[in-house]
PDB file of N, CA and C in Angstrom:
ATOM      1  N   MET A   1       0.663  -1.835  18.049  1.00  0.00           N
ATOM      2  CA  MET A   1       1.231  -3.170  17.948  1.00  0.00           C
ATOM      3  C   MET A   1       2.749  -3.051  17.845  1.00  0.00           C
ATOM      4  N   LYS A   2       3.439  -4.054  18.302  1.00  0.00           N
ATOM      5  CA  LYS A   2       4.901  -4.105  18.172  1.00  0.00           C
ATOM      6  C   LYS A   2       5.268  -4.474  16.747  1.00  0.00           C
ATOM      7  N   CYS A   3       6.286  -3.844  16.224  1.00  0.00           N
ATOM      8  CA  CYS A   3       6.765  -4.131  14.876  1.00  0.00           C
ATOM      9  C   CYS A   3       7.377  -5.532  14.831  1.00  0.00           C
ATOM     10  N   VAL A   4       6.965  -6.327  13.845  1.00  0.00           N
ATOM     11  CA  VAL A   4       7.501  -7.683  13.732  1.00  0.00           C
ATOM     12  C   VAL A   4       8.858  -7.702  13.026  1.00  0.00           C
ATOM     13  N   ILE A   5       9.240  -6.596  12.426  1.00  0.00           N
ATOM     14  CA  ILE A   5      10.527  -6.521  11.732  1.00  0.00           C
ATOM     15  C   ILE A   5      11.653  -6.166  12.700  1.00  0.00           C
ATOM     16  N   CYS A   6      11.555  -4.994  13.342  1.00  0.00           N
ATOM     17  CA  CYS A   6      12.642  -4.560  14.228  1.00  0.00           C
ATOM     18  C   CYS A   6      12.437  -5.013  15.675  1.00  0.00           C
ATOM     19  N   LYS A   7      11.205  -5.364  16.030  1.00  0.00           N
ATOM     20  CA  LYS A   7      10.845  -5.823  17.370  1.00  0.00           C
ATOM     21  C   LYS A   7      11.131  -4.780  18.457  1.00  0.00           C
ATOM     22  N   GLN A   8      11.345  -3.546  18.041  1.00  0.00           N
ATOM     23  CA  GLN A   8      11.647  -2.479  18.990  1.00  0.00           C
ATOM     24  C   GLN A   8      10.527  -1.443  19.062  1.00  0.00           C
ATOM     25  N   GLY A   9      10.039  -1.046  17.896  1.00  0.00           N
ATOM     26  CA  GLY A   9       9.095   0.066  17.838  1.00  0.00           C
ATOM     27  C   GLY A   9       7.648  -0.351  17.892  1.00  0.00           C
ATOM     28  N   ASP A  10       6.827   0.616  18.218  1.00  0.00           N
ATOM     29  CA  ASP A  10       5.381   0.453  18.158  1.00  0.00           C
ATOM     30  C   ASP A  10       4.892   1.140  16.890  1.00  0.00           C
ATOM     31  N   THR A  11       3.776   0.646  16.355  1.00  0.00           N
ATOM     32  CA  THR A  11       3.226   1.249  15.147  1.00  0.00           C
ATOM     33  C   THR A  11       2.221   2.334  15.526  1.00  0.00           C
ATOM     34  N   HIS A  12       2.058   3.278  14.601  1.00  0.00           N
ATOM     35  CA  HIS A  12       1.092   4.348  14.789  1.00  0.00           C
ATOM     36  C   HIS A  12       0.470   4.664  13.430  1.00  0.00           C
ATOM     37  N   PRO A  13      -0.716   5.264  13.418  1.00  0.00           N
ATOM     38  CA  PRO A  13      -1.360   5.574  12.142  1.00  0.00           C
ATOM     39  C   PRO A  13      -0.504   6.526  11.311  1.00  0.00           C
ATOM     40  N   GLY A  14      -0.439   6.232  10.019  1.00  0.00           N
ATOM     41  CA  GLY A  14       0.322   7.063   9.097  1.00  0.00           C
ATOM     42  C   GLY A  14      -0.074   6.728   7.673  1.00  0.00           C
ATOM     43  N   TYR A  15       0.826   7.018   6.755  1.00  0.00           N
ATOM     44  CA  TYR A  15       0.560   6.783   5.337  1.00  0.00           C
ATOM     45  C   TYR A  15       1.756   6.093   4.688  1.00  0.00           C
ATOM     46  N   ALA A  16       1.451   5.357   3.619  1.00  0.00           N
ATOM     47  CA  ALA A  16       2.487   4.652   2.861  1.00  0.00           C
ATOM     48  C   ALA A  16       2.275   4.932   1.380  1.00  0.00           C
ATOM     49  N   THR A  17       3.331   4.751   0.617  1.00  0.00           N
ATOM     50  CA  THR A  17       3.239   4.724  -0.838  1.00  0.00           C
ATOM     51  C   THR A  17       3.444   3.273  -1.247  1.00  0.00           C
ATOM     52  N   VAL A  18       2.463   2.722  -1.963  1.00  0.00           N
ATOM     53  CA  VAL A  18       2.474   1.309  -2.324  1.00  0.00           C
ATOM     54  C   VAL A  18       2.700   1.166  -3.820  1.00  0.00           C
ATOM     55  N   SER A  19       3.656   0.338  -4.202  1.00  0.00           N
ATOM     56  CA  SER A  19       3.931   0.038  -5.611  1.00  0.00           C
ATOM     57  C   SER A  19       3.574  -1.415  -5.874  1.00  0.00           C
ATOM     58  N   LEU A  20       2.783  -1.627  -6.911  1.00  0.00           N
ATOM     59  CA  LEU A  20       2.381  -2.979  -7.305  1.00  0.00           C
ATOM     60  C   LEU A  20       2.783  -3.200  -8.758  1.00  0.00           C
ATOM     61  N   GLU A  21       3.247  -4.398  -9.075  1.00  0.00           N
ATOM     62  CA  GLU A  21       3.607  -4.748 -10.449  1.00  0.00           C
ATOM     63  C   GLU A  21       2.984  -6.085 -10.804  1.00  0.00           C
ATOM     64  N   ARG A  22       2.418  -6.151 -12.019  1.00  0.00           N
ATOM     65  CA  ARG A  22       1.827  -7.398 -12.500  1.00  0.00           C
ATOM     66  C   ARG A  22       1.646  -7.319 -14.002  1.00  0.00           C
ATOM     67  N   GLU A  23       2.065  -8.348 -14.705  1.00  0.00           N
ATOM     68  CA  GLU A  23       1.868  -8.472 -16.146  1.00  0.00           C
ATOM     69  C   GLU A  23       2.283  -7.211 -16.912  1.00  0.00           C
ATOM     70  N   GLY A  24       3.411  -6.636 -16.554  1.00  0.00           N
ATOM     71  CA  GLY A  24       3.911  -5.460 -17.251  1.00  0.00           C
ATOM     72  C   GLY A  24       3.267  -4.153 -16.827  1.00  0.00           C
ATOM     73  N   VAL A  25       2.405  -4.195 -15.821  1.00  0.00           N
ATOM     74  CA  VAL A  25       1.721  -2.999 -15.318  1.00  0.00           C
ATOM     75  C   VAL A  25       2.359  -2.603 -13.992  1.00  0.00           C
ATOM     76  N   THR A  26       2.657  -1.313 -13.844  1.00  0.00           N
ATOM     77  CA  THR A  26       3.146  -0.776 -12.581  1.00  0.00           C
ATOM     78  C   THR A  26       2.130   0.227 -12.074  1.00  0.00           C
ATOM     79  N   LEU A  27       1.656   0.014 -10.853  1.00  0.00           N
ATOM     80  CA  LEU A  27       0.683   0.899 -10.225  1.00  0.00           C
ATOM     81  C   LEU A  27       1.280   1.411  -8.924  1.00  0.00           C
ATOM     82  N   VAL A  28       1.323   2.732  -8.781  1.00  0.00           N
ATOM     83  CA  VAL A  28       1.826   3.365  -7.564  1.00  0.00           C
ATOM     84  C   VAL A  28       0.656   4.124  -6.941  1.00  0.00           C
ATOM     85  N   ILE A  29       0.389   3.854  -5.678  1.00  0.00           N
ATOM     86  CA  ILE A  29      -0.691   4.541  -4.978  1.00  0.00           C
ATOM     87  C   ILE A  29      -0.095   5.237  -3.757  1.00  0.00           C
ATOM     88  N   LYS A  30      -0.322   6.544  -3.690  1.00  0.00           N
ATOM     89  CA  LYS A  30       0.232   7.373  -2.609  1.00  0.00           C
ATOM     90  C   LYS A  30      -0.812   7.616  -1.530  1.00  0.00           C
ATOM     91  N   LYS A  31      -0.333   7.966  -0.344  1.00  0.00           N
ATOM     92  CA  LYS A  31      -1.177   8.316   0.807  1.00  0.00           C
ATOM     93  C   LYS A  31      -2.124   7.179   1.196  1.00  0.00           C
ATOM     94  N   VAL A  32      -1.604   5.956   1.198  1.00  0.00           N
ATOM     95  CA  VAL A  32      -2.390   4.791   1.615  1.00  0.00           C
ATOM     96  C   VAL A  32      -2.354   4.726   3.142  1.00  0.00           C
ATOM     97  N   PRO A  33      -3.513   4.671   3.801  1.00  0.00           N
ATOM     98  CA  PRO A  33      -3.512   4.560   5.264  1.00  0.00           C
ATOM     99  C   PRO A  33      -2.805   3.283   5.708  1.00  0.00           C
ATOM    100  N   ALA A  34      -1.947   3.427   6.694  1.00  0.00           N
ATOM    101  CA  ALA A  34      -1.162   2.284   7.176  1.00  0.00           C
ATOM    102  C   ALA A  34      -0.805   2.487   8.639  1.00  0.00           C
ATOM    103  N   GLN A  35      -0.375   1.407   9.246  1.00  0.00           N
ATOM    104  CA  GLN A  35       0.255   1.482  10.553  1.00  0.00           C
ATOM    105  C   GLN A  35       1.759   1.496  10.280  1.00  0.00           C
ATOM    106  N   VAL A  36       2.466   2.481  10.824  1.00  0.00           N
ATOM    107  CA  VAL A  36       3.877   2.669  10.523  1.00  0.00           C
ATOM    108  C   VAL A  36       4.691   2.562  11.811  1.00  0.00           C
ATOM    109  N   CYS A  37       5.758   1.762  11.754  1.00  0.00           N
ATOM    110  CA  CYS A  37       6.642   1.611  12.911  1.00  0.00           C
ATOM    111  C   CYS A  37       7.394   2.909  13.146  1.00  0.00           C
ATOM    112  N   GLN A  38       7.348   3.396  14.363  1.00  0.00           N
ATOM    113  CA  GLN A  38       8.034   4.645  14.697  1.00  0.00           C
ATOM    114  C   GLN A  38       9.545   4.459  14.774  1.00  0.00           C
ATOM    115  N   ASN A  39      10.014   3.219  14.831  1.00  0.00           N
ATOM    116  CA  ASN A  39      11.449   2.969  14.917  1.00  0.00           C
ATOM    117  C   ASN A  39      12.087   2.731  13.549  1.00  0.00           C
ATOM    118  N   CYS A  40      11.549   1.779  12.777  1.00  0.00           N
ATOM    119  CA  CYS A  40      12.195   1.401  11.518  1.00  0.00           C
ATOM    120  C   CYS A  40      11.432   1.844  10.266  1.00  0.00           C
ATOM    121  N   GLY A  41      10.183   2.301  10.432  1.00  0.00           N
ATOM    122  CA  GLY A  41       9.411   2.777   9.292  1.00  0.00           C
ATOM    123  C   GLY A  41       8.660   1.699   8.531  1.00  0.00           C
ATOM    124  N   GLU A  42       8.701   0.456   8.987  1.00  0.00           N
ATOM    125  CA  GLU A  42       7.945  -0.614   8.326  1.00  0.00           C
ATOM    126  C   GLU A  42       6.469  -0.245   8.306  1.00  0.00           C
ATOM    127  N   GLU A  43       5.810  -0.545   7.176  1.00  0.00           N
ATOM    128  CA  GLU A  43       4.413  -0.166   6.989  1.00  0.00           C
ATOM    129  C   GLU A  43       3.534  -1.410   6.955  1.00  0.00           C
ATOM    130  N   TYR A  44       2.399  -1.351   7.624  1.00  0.00           N
ATOM    131  CA  TYR A  44       1.451  -2.456   7.690  1.00  0.00           C
ATOM    132  C   TYR A  44       0.097  -1.973   7.196  1.00  0.00           C
ATOM    133  N   LEU A  45      -0.488  -2.735   6.256  1.00  0.00           N
ATOM    134  CA  LEU A  45      -1.805  -2.407   5.715  1.00  0.00           C
ATOM    135  C   LEU A  45      -2.825  -3.397   6.252  1.00  0.00           C
ATOM    136  N   ASP A  46      -4.041  -2.920   6.487  1.00  0.00           N
ATOM    137  CA  ASP A  46      -5.081  -3.836   6.937  1.00  0.00           C
ATOM    138  C   ASP A  46      -5.687  -4.577   5.744  1.00  0.00           C
ATOM    139  N   GLU A  47      -6.489  -5.580   6.040  1.00  0.00           N
ATOM    140  CA  GLU A  47      -7.049  -6.451   5.005  1.00  0.00           C
ATOM    141  C   GLU A  47      -7.965  -5.694   4.040  1.00  0.00           C
ATOM    142  N   THR A  48      -8.764  -4.779   4.546  1.00  0.00           N
ATOM    143  CA  THR A  48      -9.683  -4.017   3.698  1.00  0.00           C
ATOM    144  C   THR A  48      -8.909  -3.151   2.708  1.00  0.00           C
ATOM    145  N   THR A  49      -7.873  -2.483   3.183  1.00  0.00           N
ATOM    146  CA  THR A  49      -7.052  -1.629   2.325  1.00  0.00           C
ATOM    147  C   THR A  49      -6.330  -2.469   1.281  1.00  0.00           C
ATOM    148  N   THR A  50      -5.783  -3.600   1.687  1.00  0.00           N
ATOM    149  CA  THR A  50      -5.083  -4.481   0.760  1.00  0.00           C
ATOM    150  C   THR A  50      -6.021  -4.970  -0.337  1.00  0.00           C
ATOM    151  N   SER A  51      -7.225  -5.353   0.029  1.00  0.00           N
ATOM    152  CA  SER A  51      -8.213  -5.810  -0.945  1.00  0.00           C
ATOM    153  C   SER A  51      -8.546  -4.695  -1.932  1.00  0.00           C
ATOM    154  N   TYR A  52      -8.704  -3.489  -1.432  1.00  0.00           N
ATOM    155  CA  TYR A  52      -8.984  -2.334  -2.287  1.00  0.00           C
ATOM    156  C   TYR A  52      -7.848  -2.117  -3.291  1.00  0.00           C
ATOM    157  N   LEU A  53      -6.611  -2.180  -2.828  1.00  0.00           N
ATOM    158  CA  LEU A  53      -5.458  -1.967  -3.706  1.00  0.00           C
ATOM    159  C   LEU A  53      -5.366  -3.052  -4.778  1.00  0.00           C
ATOM    160  N   LEU A  54      -5.622  -4.288  -4.402  1.00  0.00           N
ATOM    161  CA  LEU A  54      -5.572  -5.382  -5.376  1.00  0.00           C
ATOM    162  C   LEU A  54      -6.673  -5.241  -6.432  1.00  0.00           C
ATOM    163  N   THR A  55      -7.823  -4.724  -6.039  1.00  0.00           N
ATOM    164  CA  THR A  55      -8.897  -4.464  -6.998  1.00  0.00           C
ATOM    165  C   THR A  55      -8.497  -3.362  -7.970  1.00  0.00           C
ATOM    166  N   ARG A  56      -7.845  -2.305  -7.462  1.00  0.00           N
ATOM    167  CA  ARG A  56      -7.372  -1.223  -8.341  1.00  0.00           C
ATOM    168  C   ARG A  56      -6.326  -1.756  -9.319  1.00  0.00           C
ATOM    169  N   MET A  57      -5.489  -2.692  -8.860  1.00  0.00           N
ATOM    170  CA  MET A  57      -4.482  -3.288  -9.728  1.00  0.00           C
ATOM    171  C   MET A  57      -5.148  -4.099 -10.825  1.00  0.00           C
ATOM    172  N   GLU A  58      -6.147  -4.866 -10.474  1.00  0.00           N
ATOM    173  CA  GLU A  58      -6.890  -5.662 -11.453  1.00  0.00           C
ATOM    174  C   GLU A  58      -7.511  -4.746 -12.509  1.00  0.00           C
ATOM    175  N   ASP A  59      -8.067  -3.614 -12.076  1.00  0.00           N
ATOM    176  CA  ASP A  59      -8.635  -2.641 -13.012  1.00  0.00           C
ATOM    177  C   ASP A  59      -7.572  -2.116 -13.969  1.00  0.00           C
ATOM    178  N   ALA A  60      -6.394  -1.801 -13.447  1.00  0.00           N
ATOM    179  CA  ALA A  60      -5.305  -1.275 -14.280  1.00  0.00           C
ATOM    180  C   ALA A  60      -4.854  -2.309 -15.303  1.00  0.00           C
ATOM    181  N   VAL A  61      -4.740  -3.556 -14.897  1.00  0.00           N
ATOM    182  CA  VAL A  61      -4.333  -4.627 -15.814  1.00  0.00           C
ATOM    183  C   VAL A  61      -5.381  -4.782 -16.921  1.00  0.00           C
ATOM    184  N   ASN A  62      -6.644  -4.762 -16.547  1.00  0.00           N
ATOM    185  CA  ASN A  62      -7.725  -4.958 -17.512  1.00  0.00           C
ATOM    186  C   ASN A  62      -7.873  -3.807 -18.508  1.00  0.00           C
ATOM    187  N   THR A  63      -7.439  -2.605 -18.135  1.00  0.00           N
ATOM    188  CA  THR A  63      -7.556  -1.462 -19.043  1.00  0.00           C
ATOM    189  C   THR A  63      -6.305  -1.262 -19.883  1.00  0.00           C
ATOM    190  N   GLY A  64      -5.268  -2.051 -19.643  1.00  0.00           N
ATOM    191  CA  GLY A  64      -4.068  -1.978 -20.470  1.00  0.00           C
ATOM    192  C   GLY A  64      -3.101  -0.867 -20.101  1.00  0.00           C
ATOM    193  N   VAL A  65      -3.228  -0.329 -18.906  1.00  0.00           N
ATOM    194  CA  VAL A  65      -2.319   0.714 -18.438  1.00  0.00           C
ATOM    195  C   VAL A  65      -0.928   0.117 -18.245  1.00  0.00           C
ATOM    196  N   GLN A  66       0.113   0.874 -18.579  1.00  0.00           N
ATOM    197  CA  GLN A  66       1.474   0.389 -18.309  1.00  0.00           C
ATOM    198  C   GLN A  66       2.001   0.933 -16.990  1.00  0.00           C
ATOM    199  N   VAL A  67       1.838   2.241 -16.766  1.00  0.00           N
ATOM    200  CA  VAL A  67       2.270   2.881 -15.520  1.00  0.00           C
ATOM    201  C   VAL A  67       1.173   3.839 -15.091  1.00  0.00           C
ATOM    202  N   ASP A  68       0.796   3.764 -13.832  1.00  0.00           N
ATOM    203  CA  ASP A  68      -0.237   4.652 -13.317  1.00  0.00           C
ATOM    204  C   ASP A  68       0.155   5.051 -11.901  1.00  0.00           C
ATOM    205  N   VAL A  69       0.035   6.341 -11.596  1.00  0.00           N
ATOM    206  CA  VAL A  69       0.297   6.853 -10.254  1.00  0.00           C
ATOM    207  C   VAL A  69      -0.991   7.511  -9.785  1.00  0.00           C
ATOM    208  N   ARG A  70      -1.475   7.063  -8.633  1.00  0.00           N
ATOM    209  CA  ARG A  70      -2.735   7.554  -8.104  1.00  0.00           C
ATOM    210  C   ARG A  70      -2.586   7.929  -6.646  1.00  0.00           C
ATOM    211  N   GLN A  71      -3.552   8.699  -6.148  1.00  0.00           N
ATOM    212  CA  GLN A  71      -3.633   8.961  -4.721  1.00  0.00           C
ATOM    213  C   GLN A  71      -4.759   8.095  -4.179  1.00  0.00           C
ATOM    214  N   PHE A  72      -4.569   7.539  -3.001  1.00  0.00           N
ATOM    215  CA  PHE A  72      -5.566   6.663  -2.380  1.00  0.00           C
ATOM    216  C   PHE A  72      -6.866   7.413  -2.172  1.00  0.00           C
ATOM    217  N   VAL A  73      -7.968   6.775  -2.555  1.00  0.00           N
ATOM    218  CA  VAL A  73      -9.296   7.301  -2.307  1.00  0.00           C
ATOM    219  C   VAL A  73     -10.101   6.153  -1.716  1.00  0.00           C
ATOM    220  N   ALA A  74     -10.559   6.326  -0.486  1.00  0.00           N
ATOM    221  CA  ALA A  74     -11.308   5.258   0.180  1.00  0.00           C
ATOM    222  C   ALA A  74     -12.597   4.961  -0.560  1.00  0.00           C
ATOM    223  N   ALA A  75     -12.936   3.693  -0.590  1.00  0.00           N
ATOM    224  CA  ALA A  75     -14.153   3.261  -1.298  1.00  0.00           C
ATOM    225  C   ALA A  75     -15.410   3.685  -0.580  1.00  0.00           C
TER     226      ALA A  75
END
């Protein structure tokens, strides 16, 4: 797909590091599968991956974690 940010590059499969913050909780997840623009580096996540990450964030908030760094593990 064409990158919607730079409008120059095409995306290709790669990985991203995603940081989420909510209610005083910071969650960093590494090696998240993404489509990455070969020109500007913009990262795009699909709906399934995004849903998974938001569920992990909800878990972190509910357990009272302040900062957590994890590696992506597919469900």
